[in-house]
PDB file of all heavy atoms in Angstrom:
ATOM      1  N   ASP A   1       0.831  -1.209   0.000  1.00  0.00           N
ATOM      2  CA  ASP A   1       0.000   0.000   0.000  1.00  0.00           C
ATOM      3  C   ASP A   1       0.862   1.255   0.000  1.00  0.00           C
ATOM      4  O   ASP A   1       0.559   2.232  -0.702  1.00  0.00           O
ATOM      5  CB  ASP A   1      -0.919   0.008   1.219  1.00  0.00           C
ATOM      6  CG  ASP A   1      -2.033  -1.029   1.120  1.00  0.00           C
ATOM      7  OD1 ASP A   1      -2.163  -1.646   0.049  1.00  0.00           O
ATOM      8  OD2 ASP A   1      -2.748  -1.236   2.127  1.00  0.00           O
ATOM      9  N   LYS A   2       1.943   1.248   0.795  1.00  0.00           N
ATOM     10  CA  LYS A   2       2.832   2.416   0.867  1.00  0.00           C
ATOM     11  C   LYS A   2       3.533   2.654  -0.467  1.00  0.00           C
ATOM     12  O   LYS A   2       3.719   3.802  -0.885  1.00  0.00           O
ATOM     13  CB  LYS A   2       3.864   2.225   1.981  1.00  0.00           C
ATOM     14  CG  LYS A   2       3.295   2.293   3.389  1.00  0.00           C
ATOM     15  CD  LYS A   2       2.798   3.697   3.731  1.00  0.00           C
ATOM     16  CE  LYS A   2       2.321   3.784   5.169  1.00  0.00           C
ATOM     17  NZ  LYS A   2       1.737   5.111   5.475  1.00  0.00           N
ATOM     18  N   VAL A   3       3.939   1.569  -1.128  1.00  0.00           N
ATOM     19  CA  VAL A   3       4.600   1.703  -2.436  1.00  0.00           C
ATOM     20  C   VAL A   3       3.638   2.337  -3.442  1.00  0.00           C
ATOM     21  O   VAL A   3       3.985   3.304  -4.143  1.00  0.00           O
ATOM     22  CB  VAL A   3       5.081   0.323  -2.943  1.00  0.00           C
ATOM     23  CG1 VAL A   3       5.491   0.404  -4.409  1.00  0.00           C
ATOM     24  CG2 VAL A   3       6.262  -0.169  -2.101  1.00  0.00           C
ATOM     25  N   TYR A   4       2.410   1.808  -3.519  1.00  0.00           N
ATOM     26  CA  TYR A   4       1.433   2.349  -4.462  1.00  0.00           C
ATOM     27  C   TYR A   4       1.057   3.791  -4.102  1.00  0.00           C
ATOM     28  O   TYR A   4       0.907   4.646  -4.993  1.00  0.00           O
ATOM     29  CB  TYR A   4       0.166   1.481  -4.466  1.00  0.00           C
ATOM     30  CG  TYR A   4       0.335   0.143  -5.137  1.00  0.00           C
ATOM     31  CD1 TYR A   4      -0.332  -0.988  -4.667  1.00  0.00           C
ATOM     32  CD2 TYR A   4       1.148  -0.003  -6.263  1.00  0.00           C
ATOM     33  CE1 TYR A   4      -0.194  -2.218  -5.292  1.00  0.00           C
ATOM     34  CE2 TYR A   4       1.289  -1.230  -6.886  1.00  0.00           C
ATOM     35  CZ  TYR A   4       0.620  -2.331  -6.395  1.00  0.00           C
ATOM     36  OH  TYR A   4       0.759  -3.550  -7.018  1.00  0.00           O
ATOM     37  N   GLU A   5       0.908   4.046  -2.808  1.00  0.00           N
ATOM     38  CA  GLU A   5       0.545   5.391  -2.365  1.00  0.00           C
ATOM     39  C   GLU A   5       1.626   6.402  -2.731  1.00  0.00           C
ATOM     40  O   GLU A   5       1.332   7.511  -3.207  1.00  0.00           O
ATOM     41  CB  GLU A   5       0.355   5.355  -0.847  1.00  0.00           C
ATOM     42  CG  GLU A   5      -0.150   6.640  -0.230  1.00  0.00           C
ATOM     43  CD  GLU A   5      -0.288   6.520   1.282  1.00  0.00           C
ATOM     44  OE1 GLU A   5      -0.695   5.454   1.764  1.00  0.00           O
ATOM     45  OE2 GLU A   5       0.033   7.503   1.971  1.00  0.00           O
ATOM     46  N   THR A   6       2.877   6.003  -2.555  1.00  0.00           N
ATOM     47  CA  THR A   6       3.997   6.892  -2.897  1.00  0.00           C
ATOM     48  C   THR A   6       4.067   7.115  -4.405  1.00  0.00           C
ATOM     49  O   THR A   6       4.284   8.239  -4.877  1.00  0.00           O
ATOM     50  CB  THR A   6       5.327   6.297  -2.388  1.00  0.00           C
ATOM     51  OG1 THR A   6       5.203   6.002  -0.992  1.00  0.00           O
ATOM     52  CG2 THR A   6       6.468   7.261  -2.597  1.00  0.00           C
ATOM     53  N   ALA A   7       3.853   6.044  -5.171  1.00  0.00           N
ATOM     54  CA  ALA A   7       3.877   6.165  -6.630  1.00  0.00           C
ATOM     55  C   ALA A   7       2.751   7.074  -7.113  1.00  0.00           C
ATOM     56  O   ALA A   7       2.956   7.922  -7.998  1.00  0.00           O
ATOM     57  CB  ALA A   7       3.753   4.785  -7.264  1.00  0.00           C
ATOM     58  N   ALA A   8       1.565   6.915  -6.540  1.00  0.00           N
ATOM     59  CA  ALA A   8       0.428   7.758  -6.933  1.00  0.00           C
ATOM     60  C   ALA A   8       0.718   9.225  -6.634  1.00  0.00           C
ATOM     61  O   ALA A   8       0.377  10.109  -7.423  1.00  0.00           O
ATOM     62  CB  ALA A   8      -0.831   7.300  -6.204  1.00  0.00           C
ATOM     63  N   ARG A   9       1.347   9.482  -5.490  1.00  0.00           N
ATOM     64  CA  ARG A   9       1.687  10.866  -5.126  1.00  0.00           C
ATOM     65  C   ARG A   9       2.703  11.440  -6.111  1.00  0.00           C
ATOM     66  O   ARG A   9       2.547  12.556  -6.609  1.00  0.00           O
ATOM     67  CB  ARG A   9       2.251  10.888  -3.711  1.00  0.00           C
ATOM     68  CG  ARG A   9       2.588  12.289  -3.185  1.00  0.00           C
ATOM     69  CD  ARG A   9       3.523  12.174  -2.005  1.00  0.00           C
ATOM     70  NE  ARG A   9       4.802  11.618  -2.406  1.00  0.00           N
ATOM     71  CZ  ARG A   9       5.590  10.893  -1.614  1.00  0.00           C
ATOM     72  NH1 ARG A   9       5.219  10.603  -0.382  1.00  0.00           N
ATOM     73  NH2 ARG A   9       6.744  10.427  -2.065  1.00  0.00           N
ATOM     74  N   ASP A  10       3.749  10.667  -6.422  1.00  0.00           N
ATOM     75  CA  ASP A  10       4.786  11.156  -7.338  1.00  0.00           C
ATOM     76  C   ASP A  10       4.257  11.353  -8.753  1.00  0.00           C
ATOM     77  O   ASP A  10       4.759  12.194  -9.504  1.00  0.00           O
ATOM     78  CB  ASP A  10       5.973  10.185  -7.360  1.00  0.00           C
ATOM     79  CG  ASP A  10       6.762  10.224  -6.051  1.00  0.00           C
ATOM     80  OD1 ASP A  10       6.449  11.092  -5.199  1.00  0.00           O
ATOM     81  OD2 ASP A  10       7.668   9.389  -5.879  1.00  0.00           O
ATOM     82  N   MET A  11       3.276  10.537  -9.139  1.00  0.00           N
ATOM     83  CA  MET A  11       2.699  10.655 -10.485  1.00  0.00           C
ATOM     84  C   MET A  11       1.541  11.662 -10.514  1.00  0.00           C
ATOM     85  O   MET A  11       0.880  11.818 -11.537  1.00  0.00           O
ATOM     86  CB  MET A  11       2.190   9.279 -10.952  1.00  0.00           C
ATOM     87  CG  MET A  11       3.284   8.246 -11.115  1.00  0.00           C
ATOM     88  SD  MET A  11       2.606   6.611 -11.534  1.00  0.00           S
ATOM     89  CE  MET A  11       4.084   5.596 -11.443  1.00  0.00           C
ATOM     90  N   HIS A  12       1.284  12.307  -9.354  1.00  0.00           N
ATOM     91  CA  HIS A  12       0.233  13.328  -9.231  1.00  0.00           C
ATOM     92  C   HIS A  12      -1.147  12.766  -9.561  1.00  0.00           C
ATOM     93  O   HIS A  12      -1.983  13.441 -10.168  1.00  0.00           O
ATOM     94  CB  HIS A  12       0.547  14.536 -10.133  1.00  0.00           C
ATOM     95  CG  HIS A  12       1.888  15.145  -9.846  1.00  0.00           C
ATOM     96  ND1 HIS A  12       2.177  15.835  -8.679  1.00  0.00           N
ATOM     97  CD2 HIS A  12       3.035  15.129 -10.577  1.00  0.00           C
ATOM     98  CE1 HIS A  12       3.434  16.232  -8.714  1.00  0.00           C
ATOM     99  NE2 HIS A  12       3.993  15.809  -9.834  1.00  0.00           N
ATOM    100  N   PHE A  13      -1.376  11.508  -9.155  1.00  0.00           N
ATOM    101  CA  PHE A  13      -2.700  10.925  -9.308  1.00  0.00           C
ATOM    102  C   PHE A  13      -3.516  11.248  -8.065  1.00  0.00           C
ATOM    103  O   PHE A  13      -3.130  10.918  -6.944  1.00  0.00           O
ATOM    104  CB  PHE A  13      -2.627   9.405  -9.469  1.00  0.00           C
ATOM    105  CG  PHE A  13      -2.023   8.961 -10.774  1.00  0.00           C
ATOM    106  CD1 PHE A  13      -1.254   7.808 -10.839  1.00  0.00           C
ATOM    107  CD2 PHE A  13      -2.227   9.688 -11.931  1.00  0.00           C
ATOM    108  CE1 PHE A  13      -0.694   7.392 -12.025  1.00  0.00           C
ATOM    109  CE2 PHE A  13      -1.678   9.280 -13.137  1.00  0.00           C
ATOM    110  CZ  PHE A  13      -0.904   8.128 -13.191  1.00  0.00           C
ATOM    111  N   ALA A  14      -4.642  11.888  -8.243  1.00  0.00           N
ATOM    112  CA  ALA A  14      -5.506  12.229  -7.114  1.00  0.00           C
ATOM    113  C   ALA A  14      -6.953  11.961  -7.507  1.00  0.00           C
ATOM    114  O   ALA A  14      -7.312  12.041  -8.684  1.00  0.00           O
ATOM    115  CB  ALA A  14      -5.332  13.690  -6.721  1.00  0.00           C
ATOM    116  N   THR A  15      -7.755  11.630  -6.529  1.00  0.00           N
ATOM    117  CA  THR A  15      -9.167  11.356  -6.768  1.00  0.00           C
ATOM    118  C   THR A  15      -9.989  12.523  -6.234  1.00  0.00           C
ATOM    119  O   THR A  15      -9.995  12.784  -5.034  1.00  0.00           O
ATOM    120  CB  THR A  15      -9.594  10.048  -6.069  1.00  0.00           C
ATOM    121  OG1 THR A  15      -8.793   8.974  -6.568  1.00  0.00           O
ATOM    122  CG2 THR A  15     -11.058   9.754  -6.336  1.00  0.00           C
ATOM    123  N   THR A  16     -10.652  13.226  -7.113  1.00  0.00           N
ATOM    124  CA  THR A  16     -11.458  14.381  -6.707  1.00  0.00           C
ATOM    125  C   THR A  16     -12.740  13.919  -6.031  1.00  0.00           C
ATOM    126  O   THR A  16     -13.157  12.757  -6.170  1.00  0.00           O
ATOM    127  CB  THR A  16     -11.822  15.244  -7.926  1.00  0.00           C
ATOM    128  OG1 THR A  16     -12.661  14.469  -8.797  1.00  0.00           O
ATOM    129  CG2 THR A  16     -10.582  15.688  -8.677  1.00  0.00           C
ATOM    130  N   ASP A  17     -13.384  14.845  -5.324  1.00  0.00           N
ATOM    131  CA  ASP A  17     -14.655  14.523  -4.675  1.00  0.00           C
ATOM    132  C   ASP A  17     -15.709  14.139  -5.699  1.00  0.00           C
ATOM    133  O   ASP A  17     -16.544  13.258  -5.454  1.00  0.00           O
ATOM    134  CB  ASP A  17     -15.151  15.711  -3.850  1.00  0.00           C
ATOM    135  CG  ASP A  17     -14.281  15.965  -2.629  1.00  0.00           C
ATOM    136  OD1 ASP A  17     -13.525  15.046  -2.244  1.00  0.00           O
ATOM    137  OD2 ASP A  17     -14.347  17.076  -2.067  1.00  0.00           O
ATOM    138  N   VAL A  18     -15.671  14.803  -6.854  1.00  0.00           N
ATOM    139  CA  VAL A  18     -16.663  14.527  -7.909  1.00  0.00           C
ATOM    140  C   VAL A  18     -16.512  13.098  -8.413  1.00  0.00           C
ATOM    141  O   VAL A  18     -17.484  12.345  -8.556  1.00  0.00           O
ATOM    142  CB  VAL A  18     -16.516  15.525  -9.067  1.00  0.00           C
ATOM    143  CG1 VAL A  18     -17.418  15.130 -10.233  1.00  0.00           C
ATOM    144  CG2 VAL A  18     -16.839  16.935  -8.593  1.00  0.00           C
ATOM    145  N   ARG A  19     -15.244  12.711  -8.661  1.00  0.00           N
ATOM    146  CA  ARG A  19     -15.032  11.346  -9.152  1.00  0.00           C
ATOM    147  C   ARG A  19     -15.372  10.309  -8.090  1.00  0.00           C
ATOM    148  O   ARG A  19     -15.931   9.250  -8.388  1.00  0.00           O
ATOM    149  CB  ARG A  19     -13.572  11.158  -9.592  1.00  0.00           C
ATOM    150  CG  ARG A  19     -13.397   9.799 -10.274  1.00  0.00           C
ATOM    151  CD  ARG A  19     -11.999   9.484 -10.665  1.00  0.00           C
ATOM    152  NE  ARG A  19     -11.943   8.150 -11.237  1.00  0.00           N
ATOM    153  CZ  ARG A  19     -10.851   7.415 -11.328  1.00  0.00           C
ATOM    154  NH1 ARG A  19      -9.698   7.894 -10.887  1.00  0.00           N
ATOM    155  NH2 ARG A  19     -10.880   6.209 -11.855  1.00  0.00           N
ATOM    156  N   LEU A  20     -15.044  10.624  -6.827  1.00  0.00           N
ATOM    157  CA  LEU A  20     -15.378   9.707  -5.741  1.00  0.00           C
ATOM    158  C   LEU A  20     -16.878   9.484  -5.685  1.00  0.00           C
ATOM    159  O   LEU A  20     -17.349   8.339  -5.586  1.00  0.00           O
ATOM    160  CB  LEU A  20     -14.875  10.265  -4.410  1.00  0.00           C
ATOM    161  CG  LEU A  20     -15.266   9.456  -3.165  1.00  0.00           C
ATOM    162  CD1 LEU A  20     -14.620   8.081  -3.197  1.00  0.00           C
ATOM    163  CD2 LEU A  20     -14.870  10.203  -1.893  1.00  0.00           C
ATOM    164  N   ALA A  21     -17.656  10.568  -5.749  1.00  0.00           N
ATOM    165  CA  ALA A  21     -19.111  10.455  -5.695  1.00  0.00           C
ATOM    166  C   ALA A  21     -19.628   9.627  -6.874  1.00  0.00           C
ATOM    167  O   ALA A  21     -20.529   8.796  -6.721  1.00  0.00           O
ATOM    168  CB  ALA A  21     -19.747  11.839  -5.697  1.00  0.00           C
ATOM    169  N   ARG A  22     -19.043   9.863  -8.057  1.00  0.00           N
ATOM    170  CA  ARG A  22     -19.466   9.118  -9.247  1.00  0.00           C
ATOM    171  C   ARG A  22     -19.187   7.625  -9.101  1.00  0.00           C
ATOM    172  O   ARG A  22     -20.018   6.779  -9.439  1.00  0.00           O
ATOM    173  CB  ARG A  22     -18.760   9.687 -10.483  1.00  0.00           C
ATOM    174  CG  ARG A  22     -19.259   9.083 -11.799  1.00  0.00           C
ATOM    175  CD  ARG A  22     -18.750   9.851 -12.994  1.00  0.00           C
ATOM    176  NE  ARG A  22     -17.302   9.790 -13.108  1.00  0.00           N
ATOM    177  CZ  ARG A  22     -16.490  10.828 -12.967  1.00  0.00           C
ATOM    178  NH1 ARG A  22     -17.005  12.026 -12.691  1.00  0.00           N
ATOM    179  NH2 ARG A  22     -15.180  10.700 -13.097  1.00  0.00           N
ATOM    180  N   GLU A  23     -18.018   7.295  -8.576  1.00  0.00           N
ATOM    181  CA  GLU A  23     -17.648   5.892  -8.410  1.00  0.00           C
ATOM    182  C   GLU A  23     -18.492   5.219  -7.336  1.00  0.00           C
ATOM    183  O   GLU A  23     -18.857   4.046  -7.472  1.00  0.00           O
ATOM    184  CB  GLU A  23     -16.163   5.775  -8.056  1.00  0.00           C
ATOM    185  CG  GLU A  23     -15.213   6.217  -9.158  1.00  0.00           C
ATOM    186  CD  GLU A  23     -15.343   5.375 -10.424  1.00  0.00           C
ATOM    187  OE1 GLU A  23     -15.639   4.167 -10.300  1.00  0.00           O
ATOM    188  OE2 GLU A  23     -15.160   5.925 -11.523  1.00  0.00           O
ATOM    189  N   LEU A  24     -18.809   5.940  -6.266  1.00  0.00           N
ATOM    190  CA  LEU A  24     -19.641   5.365  -5.213  1.00  0.00           C
ATOM    191  C   LEU A  24     -21.031   5.027  -5.753  1.00  0.00           C
ATOM    192  O   LEU A  24     -21.624   4.015  -5.371  1.00  0.00           O
ATOM    193  CB  LEU A  24     -19.759   6.335  -4.031  1.00  0.00           C
ATOM    194  CG  LEU A  24     -18.502   6.536  -3.175  1.00  0.00           C
ATOM    195  CD1 LEU A  24     -18.740   7.608  -2.121  1.00  0.00           C
ATOM    196  CD2 LEU A  24     -18.084   5.232  -2.498  1.00  0.00           C
ATOM    197  N   GLN A  25     -21.552   5.872  -6.642  1.00  0.00           N
ATOM    198  CA  GLN A  25     -22.878   5.627  -7.203  1.00  0.00           C
ATOM    199  C   GLN A  25     -22.903   4.418  -8.132  1.00  0.00           C
ATOM    200  O   GLN A  25     -23.968   3.886  -8.436  1.00  0.00           O
ATOM    201  CB  GLN A  25     -23.369   6.871  -7.963  1.00  0.00           C
ATOM    202  CG  GLN A  25     -23.989   7.919  -7.069  1.00  0.00           C
ATOM    203  CD  GLN A  25     -25.146   7.359  -6.262  1.00  0.00           C
ATOM    204  OE1 GLN A  25     -26.112   6.848  -6.799  1.00  0.00           O
ATOM    205  NE2 GLN A  25     -25.040   7.446  -4.944  1.00  0.00           N
ATOM    206  N   LYS A  26     -21.716   3.975  -8.572  1.00  0.00           N
ATOM    207  CA  LYS A  26     -21.656   2.783  -9.418  1.00  0.00           C
ATOM    208  C   LYS A  26     -21.771   1.499  -8.607  1.00  0.00           C
ATOM    209  O   LYS A  26     -21.926   0.414  -9.173  1.00  0.00           O
ATOM    210  CB  LYS A  26     -20.341   2.769 -10.211  1.00  0.00           C
ATOM    211  CG  LYS A  26     -20.247   3.865 -11.268  1.00  0.00           C
ATOM    212  CD  LYS A  26     -18.913   3.782 -12.001  1.00  0.00           C
ATOM    213  CE  LYS A  26     -18.783   4.901 -13.035  1.00  0.00           C
ATOM    214  NZ  LYS A  26     -17.475   4.864 -13.731  1.00  0.00           N
ATOM    215  N   ILE A  27     -21.646   1.618  -7.278  1.00  0.00           N
ATOM    216  CA  ILE A  27     -21.773   0.446  -6.415  1.00  0.00           C
ATOM    217  C   ILE A  27     -23.258   0.198  -6.183  1.00  0.00           C
ATOM    218  O   ILE A  27     -23.943   1.039  -5.603  1.00  0.00           O
ATOM    219  CB  ILE A  27     -21.045   0.675  -5.069  1.00  0.00           C
ATOM    220  CG1 ILE A  27     -19.558   0.964  -5.326  1.00  0.00           C
ATOM    221  CG2 ILE A  27     -21.212  -0.527  -4.160  1.00  0.00           C
ATOM    222  CD1 ILE A  27     -18.781   1.359  -4.077  1.00  0.00           C
ATOM    223  N   PRO A  28     -23.800  -0.935  -6.642  1.00  0.00           N
ATOM    224  CA  PRO A  28     -25.261  -1.148  -6.589  1.00  0.00           C
ATOM    225  C   PRO A  28     -25.839  -1.020  -5.181  1.00  0.00           C
ATOM    226  O   PRO A  28     -26.924  -0.458  -5.000  1.00  0.00           O
ATOM    227  CB  PRO A  28     -25.422  -2.591  -7.120  1.00  0.00           C
ATOM    228  CG  PRO A  28     -24.195  -2.833  -7.935  1.00  0.00           C
ATOM    229  CD  PRO A  28     -23.102  -2.054  -7.291  1.00  0.00           C
ATOM    230  N   GLN A  29     -25.108  -1.527  -4.163  1.00  0.00           N
ATOM    231  CA  GLN A  29     -25.638  -1.483  -2.802  1.00  0.00           C
ATOM    232  C   GLN A  29     -25.801  -0.046  -2.317  1.00  0.00           C
ATOM    233  O   GLN A  29     -26.707   0.260  -1.535  1.00  0.00           O
ATOM    234  CB  GLN A  29     -24.731  -2.253  -1.841  1.00  0.00           C
ATOM    235  CG  GLN A  29     -24.665  -3.746  -2.115  1.00  0.00           C
ATOM    236  CD  GLN A  29     -23.579  -4.110  -3.102  1.00  0.00           C
ATOM    237  OE1 GLN A  29     -23.177  -3.285  -3.918  1.00  0.00           O
ATOM    238  NE2 GLN A  29     -23.103  -5.333  -3.028  1.00  0.00           N
ATOM    239  N   ILE A  30     -24.910   0.845  -2.763  1.00  0.00           N
ATOM    240  CA  ILE A  30     -25.005   2.251  -2.363  1.00  0.00           C
ATOM    241  C   ILE A  30     -26.066   2.974  -3.193  1.00  0.00           C
ATOM    242  O   ILE A  30     -26.844   3.767  -2.660  1.00  0.00           O
ATOM    243  CB  ILE A  30     -23.629   2.947  -2.498  1.00  0.00           C
ATOM    244  CG1 ILE A  30     -22.652   2.337  -1.472  1.00  0.00           C
ATOM    245  CG2 ILE A  30     -23.743   4.450  -2.281  1.00  0.00           C
ATOM    246  CD1 ILE A  30     -21.252   2.902  -1.543  1.00  0.00           C
ATOM    247  N   ALA A  31     -26.112   2.677  -4.485  1.00  0.00           N
ATOM    248  CA  ALA A  31     -27.125   3.302  -5.342  1.00  0.00           C
ATOM    249  C   ALA A  31     -28.537   2.980  -4.854  1.00  0.00           C
ATOM    250  O   ALA A  31     -29.458   3.798  -4.969  1.00  0.00           O
ATOM    251  CB  ALA A  31     -26.947   2.832  -6.786  1.00  0.00           C
ATOM    252  N   ALA A  32     -28.705   1.789  -4.255  1.00  0.00           N
ATOM    253  CA  ALA A  32     -30.021   1.376  -3.771  1.00  0.00           C
ATOM    254  C   ALA A  32     -30.457   2.148  -2.529  1.00  0.00           C
ATOM    255  O   ALA A  32     -31.616   2.054  -2.114  1.00  0.00           O
ATOM    256  CB  ALA A  32     -30.016  -0.126  -3.469  1.00  0.00           C
TER     257      ALA A  32
END
């Protein structure tokens, strides 16, 4: 997890609130 987390930080990969909300809505149990 630390390796991936560090790589994501160095590659400037971030998950915005908008994308998080969109992805959560794709989970059927949450959409219900």
